[in-house]
């Protein structure tokens, strides 16, 4: 019962505010409204050559955020914000190995981790579980046909 009363009060308050804005001649403009965009339409500013560091992990998802089936032997990775198709050089700071991977998924969603590697990329880098890494953004891969 209390929840219904709260909703009624909120609706009444909103109605009064809207009526007073319209009565005083004020206009409600859509200037602050932003259209909803899907992840495919997002635009990111990428500074090529910029470096990040943190912890890498290995992931085993079946389907990536791009819709690709995850190939465990591919040199791919997941990053939270880089655009899909970005080429990133990953340097394992523990053993000095480096590899270039293509971003095709989103993640990692664990604090302190900067990239999730496919099992193939992790094997090349000598990562078994977690490893300290540095990332260098190197460009964008062409579209696959």
C-alpha atoms as a PDB file:
ATOM      1  CA  UNK A   1       0.000   0.000   0.000  1.00  0.00           C
ATOM      2  CA  UNK A   2       2.783   2.412   0.908  1.00  0.00           C
ATOM      3  CA  UNK A   3       4.558   1.787  -2.418  1.00  0.00           C
ATOM      4  CA  UNK A   4       1.383   2.691  -4.355  1.00  0.00           C
ATOM      5  CA  UNK A   5       1.022   5.949  -2.416  1.00  0.00           C
ATOM      6  CA  UNK A   6       4.637   6.868  -3.146  1.00  0.00           C
ATOM      7  CA  UNK A   7       4.120   6.298  -6.874  1.00  0.00           C
ATOM      8  CA  UNK A   8       0.955   8.400  -6.840  1.00  0.00           C
ATOM      9  CA  UNK A   9       2.716  11.260  -5.050  1.00  0.00           C
ATOM     10  CA  UNK A  10       5.653  11.138  -7.484  1.00  0.00           C
ATOM     11  CA  UNK A  11       3.325  11.130 -10.492  1.00  0.00           C
ATOM     12  CA  UNK A  12       1.321  14.049  -9.077  1.00  0.00           C
ATOM     13  CA  UNK A  13       4.495  16.022  -8.365  1.00  0.00           C
ATOM     14  CA  UNK A  14       5.787  15.441 -11.875  1.00  0.00           C
ATOM     15  CA  UNK A  15       2.451  16.526 -13.336  1.00  0.00           C
ATOM     16  CA  UNK A  16       2.428  19.748 -11.271  1.00  0.00           C
ATOM     17  CA  UNK A  17       6.007  20.606 -12.267  1.00  0.00           C
ATOM     18  CA  UNK A  18       5.329  19.961 -15.937  1.00  0.00           C
ATOM     19  CA  UNK A  19       2.119  22.002 -15.828  1.00  0.00           C
ATOM     20  CA  UNK A  20       3.887  24.941 -14.152  1.00  0.00           C
ATOM     21  CA  UNK A  21       6.696  24.904 -16.728  1.00  0.00           C
ATOM     22  CA  UNK A  22       4.219  24.913 -19.581  1.00  0.00           C
ATOM     23  CA  UNK A  23       2.013  27.581 -17.904  1.00  0.00           C
ATOM     24  CA  UNK A  24       4.934  30.005 -17.532  1.00  0.00           C
ATOM     25  CA  UNK A  25       5.748  29.672 -21.219  1.00  0.00           C
ATOM     26  CA  UNK A  26       8.832  27.589 -20.667  1.00  0.00           C
ATOM     27  CA  UNK A  27       9.811  25.131 -23.301  1.00  0.00           C
ATOM     28  CA  UNK A  28      11.202  21.688 -22.878  1.00  0.00           C
ATOM     29  CA  UNK A  29      13.836  21.184 -25.525  1.00  0.00           C
ATOM     30  CA  UNK A  30      15.524  17.950 -26.460  1.00  0.00           C
ATOM     31  CA  UNK A  31      18.961  19.591 -26.425  1.00  0.00           C
ATOM     32  CA  UNK A  32      20.140  17.450 -23.528  1.00  0.00           C
ATOM     33  CA  UNK A  33      18.628  14.260 -24.866  1.00  0.00           C
ATOM     34  CA  UNK A  34      21.032  11.763 -26.348  1.00  0.00           C
ATOM     35  CA  UNK A  35      19.893   9.131 -28.786  1.00  0.00           C
ATOM     36  CA  UNK A  36      20.356   5.553 -27.694  1.00  0.00           C
ATOM     37  CA  UNK A  37      23.217   3.952 -29.565  1.00  0.00           C
ATOM     38  CA  UNK A  38      24.199   0.339 -29.764  1.00  0.00           C
ATOM     39  CA  UNK A  39      27.735  -0.794 -29.008  1.00  0.00           C
ATOM     40  CA  UNK A  40      28.380  -1.086 -32.748  1.00  0.00           C
ATOM     41  CA  UNK A  41      27.736   2.649 -33.226  1.00  0.00           C
ATOM     42  CA  UNK A  42      29.938   3.908 -30.403  1.00  0.00           C
ATOM     43  CA  UNK A  43      32.920   6.023 -31.384  1.00  0.00           C
ATOM     44  CA  UNK A  44      36.086   6.005 -29.326  1.00  0.00           C
ATOM     45  CA  UNK A  45      39.106   8.209 -29.451  1.00  0.00           C
ATOM     46  CA  UNK A  46      42.166   6.020 -29.547  1.00  0.00           C
ATOM     47  CA  UNK A  47      45.635   7.413 -29.102  1.00  0.00           C
ATOM     48  CA  UNK A  48      47.789   5.087 -31.146  1.00  0.00           C
ATOM     49  CA  UNK A  49      51.030   4.296 -29.400  1.00  0.00           C
ATOM     50  CA  UNK A  50      49.555   4.995 -25.969  1.00  0.00           C
ATOM     51  CA  UNK A  51      50.465   2.526 -23.253  1.00  0.00           C
ATOM     52  CA  UNK A  52      48.503   1.002 -20.394  1.00  0.00           C
ATOM     53  CA  UNK A  53      49.602  -1.448 -17.760  1.00  0.00           C
ATOM     54  CA  UNK A  54      47.924  -3.806 -15.380  1.00  0.00           C
ATOM     55  CA  UNK A  55      47.033  -7.460 -15.057  1.00  0.00           C
ATOM     56  CA  UNK A  56      46.066  -9.779 -17.914  1.00  0.00           C
ATOM     57  CA  UNK A  57      43.905 -12.855 -17.553  1.00  0.00           C
ATOM     58  CA  UNK A  58      42.750 -15.656 -19.841  1.00  0.00           C
ATOM     59  CA  UNK A  59      39.110 -15.976 -20.917  1.00  0.00           C
ATOM     60  CA  UNK A  60      37.094 -18.824 -22.414  1.00  0.00           C
ATOM     61  CA  UNK A  61      33.800 -17.298 -23.655  1.00  0.00           C
ATOM     62  CA  UNK A  62      31.990 -19.152 -26.448  1.00  0.00           C
ATOM     63  CA  UNK A  63      30.681 -16.073 -28.262  1.00  0.00           C
ATOM     64  CA  UNK A  64      32.451 -12.696 -28.252  1.00  0.00           C
ATOM     65  CA  UNK A  65      30.804  -9.275 -28.073  1.00  0.00           C
ATOM     66  CA  UNK A  66      31.379  -8.876 -31.828  1.00  0.00           C
ATOM     67  CA  UNK A  67      29.311 -12.002 -32.435  1.00  0.00           C
ATOM     68  CA  UNK A  68      32.292 -14.120 -33.480  1.00  0.00           C
ATOM     69  CA  UNK A  69      32.672 -17.628 -32.158  1.00  0.00           C
ATOM     70  CA  UNK A  70      35.714 -17.584 -29.899  1.00  0.00           C
ATOM     71  CA  UNK A  71      38.629 -19.373 -31.532  1.00  0.00           C
ATOM     72  CA  UNK A  72      40.876 -20.494 -28.662  1.00  0.00           C
ATOM     73  CA  UNK A  73      43.918 -20.510 -30.980  1.00  0.00           C
ATOM     74  CA  UNK A  74      43.367 -16.996 -32.377  1.00  0.00           C
ATOM     75  CA  UNK A  75      45.396 -13.985 -31.297  1.00  0.00           C
ATOM     76  CA  UNK A  76      42.430 -12.086 -29.866  1.00  0.00           C
ATOM     77  CA  UNK A  77      41.571 -10.329 -26.625  1.00  0.00           C
ATOM     78  CA  UNK A  78      38.877  -8.470 -24.705  1.00  0.00           C
ATOM     79  CA  UNK A  79      39.196  -4.854 -23.592  1.00  0.00           C
ATOM     80  CA  UNK A  80      36.638  -2.625 -21.853  1.00  0.00           C
ATOM     81  CA  UNK A  81      36.824   0.459 -24.076  1.00  0.00           C
ATOM     82  CA  UNK A  82      39.027   0.005 -27.136  1.00  0.00           C
ATOM     83  CA  UNK A  83      37.116  -0.268 -30.417  1.00  0.00           C
ATOM     84  CA  UNK A  84      36.632  -3.700 -31.900  1.00  0.00           C
ATOM     85  CA  UNK A  85      39.386  -4.451 -34.386  1.00  0.00           C
ATOM     86  CA  UNK A  86      42.027  -2.461 -32.510  1.00  0.00           C
ATOM     87  CA  UNK A  87      45.465  -4.027 -32.681  1.00  0.00           C
ATOM     88  CA  UNK A  88      47.208  -4.061 -29.304  1.00  0.00           C
ATOM     89  CA  UNK A  89      50.721  -5.212 -28.516  1.00  0.00           C
ATOM     90  CA  UNK A  90      50.785  -6.969 -25.164  1.00  0.00           C
ATOM     91  CA  UNK A  91      54.118  -7.172 -23.304  1.00  0.00           C
ATOM     92  CA  UNK A  92      54.388  -9.740 -20.512  1.00  0.00           C
ATOM     93  CA  UNK A  93      56.492  -7.907 -17.905  1.00  0.00           C
ATOM     94  CA  UNK A  94      57.272 -11.132 -16.078  1.00  0.00           C
ATOM     95  CA  UNK A  95      59.085 -12.929 -18.929  1.00  0.00           C
ATOM     96  CA  UNK A  96      59.613 -10.228 -21.592  1.00  0.00           C
ATOM     97  CA  UNK A  97      57.478 -11.887 -24.304  1.00  0.00           C
ATOM     98  CA  UNK A  98      55.301  -9.767 -26.609  1.00  0.00           C
ATOM     99  CA  UNK A  99      52.431 -10.487 -28.996  1.00  0.00           C
ATOM    100  CA  UNK A 100      49.961  -8.445 -31.013  1.00  0.00           C
ATOM    101  CA  UNK A 101      46.279  -9.229 -30.508  1.00  0.00           C
ATOM    102  CA  UNK A 102      43.026  -8.004 -32.072  1.00  0.00           C
ATOM    103  CA  UNK A 103      40.282  -6.712 -29.768  1.00  0.00           C
ATOM    104  CA  UNK A 104      37.041  -8.598 -30.476  1.00  0.00           C
ATOM    105  CA  UNK A 105      35.335  -8.774 -27.090  1.00  0.00           C
ATOM    106  CA  UNK A 106      34.461  -6.696 -24.015  1.00  0.00           C
ATOM    107  CA  UNK A 107      35.919  -7.224 -20.582  1.00  0.00           C
ATOM    108  CA  UNK A 108      37.567  -7.938 -18.222  1.00  0.00           C
ATOM    109  CA  UNK A 109      35.042  -7.055 -15.571  1.00  0.00           C
ATOM    110  CA  UNK A 110      37.371  -7.593 -12.627  1.00  0.00           C
ATOM    111  CA  UNK A 111      39.006  -4.618 -10.917  1.00  0.00           C
ATOM    112  CA  UNK A 112      42.697  -4.159 -11.775  1.00  0.00           C
ATOM    113  CA  UNK A 113      42.643  -6.238 -14.950  1.00  0.00           C
ATOM    114  CA  UNK A 114      43.257  -4.437 -18.225  1.00  0.00           C
ATOM    115  CA  UNK A 115      42.867  -7.204 -20.800  1.00  0.00           C
ATOM    116  CA  UNK A 116      41.497 -10.729 -21.204  1.00  0.00           C
ATOM    117  CA  UNK A 117      43.541 -12.875 -23.577  1.00  0.00           C
ATOM    118  CA  UNK A 118      42.366 -15.779 -25.697  1.00  0.00           C
ATOM    119  CA  UNK A 119      44.065 -19.071 -24.749  1.00  0.00           C
ATOM    120  CA  UNK A 120      46.211 -18.908 -27.918  1.00  0.00           C
ATOM    121  CA  UNK A 121      47.471 -15.415 -27.146  1.00  0.00           C
ATOM    122  CA  UNK A 122      48.074 -16.388 -23.510  1.00  0.00           C
ATOM    123  CA  UNK A 123      50.130 -19.389 -24.650  1.00  0.00           C
ATOM    124  CA  UNK A 124      52.327 -17.210 -26.891  1.00  0.00           C
ATOM    125  CA  UNK A 125      52.847 -14.730 -24.054  1.00  0.00           C
ATOM    126  CA  UNK A 126      53.494 -17.413 -21.453  1.00  0.00           C
ATOM    127  CA  UNK A 127      50.501 -16.372 -19.358  1.00  0.00           C
ATOM    128  CA  UNK A 128      48.995 -19.106 -17.227  1.00  0.00           C
ATOM    129  CA  UNK A 129      46.280 -17.481 -15.141  1.00  0.00           C
ATOM    130  CA  UNK A 130      47.266 -13.889 -14.342  1.00  0.00           C
ATOM    131  CA  UNK A 131      50.308 -11.864 -15.416  1.00  0.00           C
ATOM    132  CA  UNK A 132      51.502  -8.252 -15.221  1.00  0.00           C
ATOM    133  CA  UNK A 133      51.400  -6.717 -18.702  1.00  0.00           C
ATOM    134  CA  UNK A 134      51.860  -3.474 -20.615  1.00  0.00           C
ATOM    135  CA  UNK A 135      49.634  -2.652 -23.601  1.00  0.00           C
ATOM    136  CA  UNK A 136      50.478  -0.503 -26.604  1.00  0.00           C
ATOM    137  CA  UNK A 137      47.655   0.423 -28.964  1.00  0.00           C
ATOM    138  CA  UNK A 138      48.980   0.003 -32.476  1.00  0.00           C
ATOM    139  CA  UNK A 139      46.161   0.624 -34.945  1.00  0.00           C
ATOM    140  CA  UNK A 140      43.067  -0.955 -36.353  1.00  0.00           C
ATOM    141  CA  UNK A 141      42.654  -4.224 -38.248  1.00  0.00           C
ATOM    142  CA  UNK A 142      40.905  -4.137 -41.607  1.00  0.00           C
ATOM    143  CA  UNK A 143      37.457  -5.646 -41.943  1.00  0.00           C
ATOM    144  CA  UNK A 144      37.394  -9.344 -42.603  1.00  0.00           C
ATOM    145  CA  UNK A 145      35.474 -10.374 -45.711  1.00  0.00           C
END
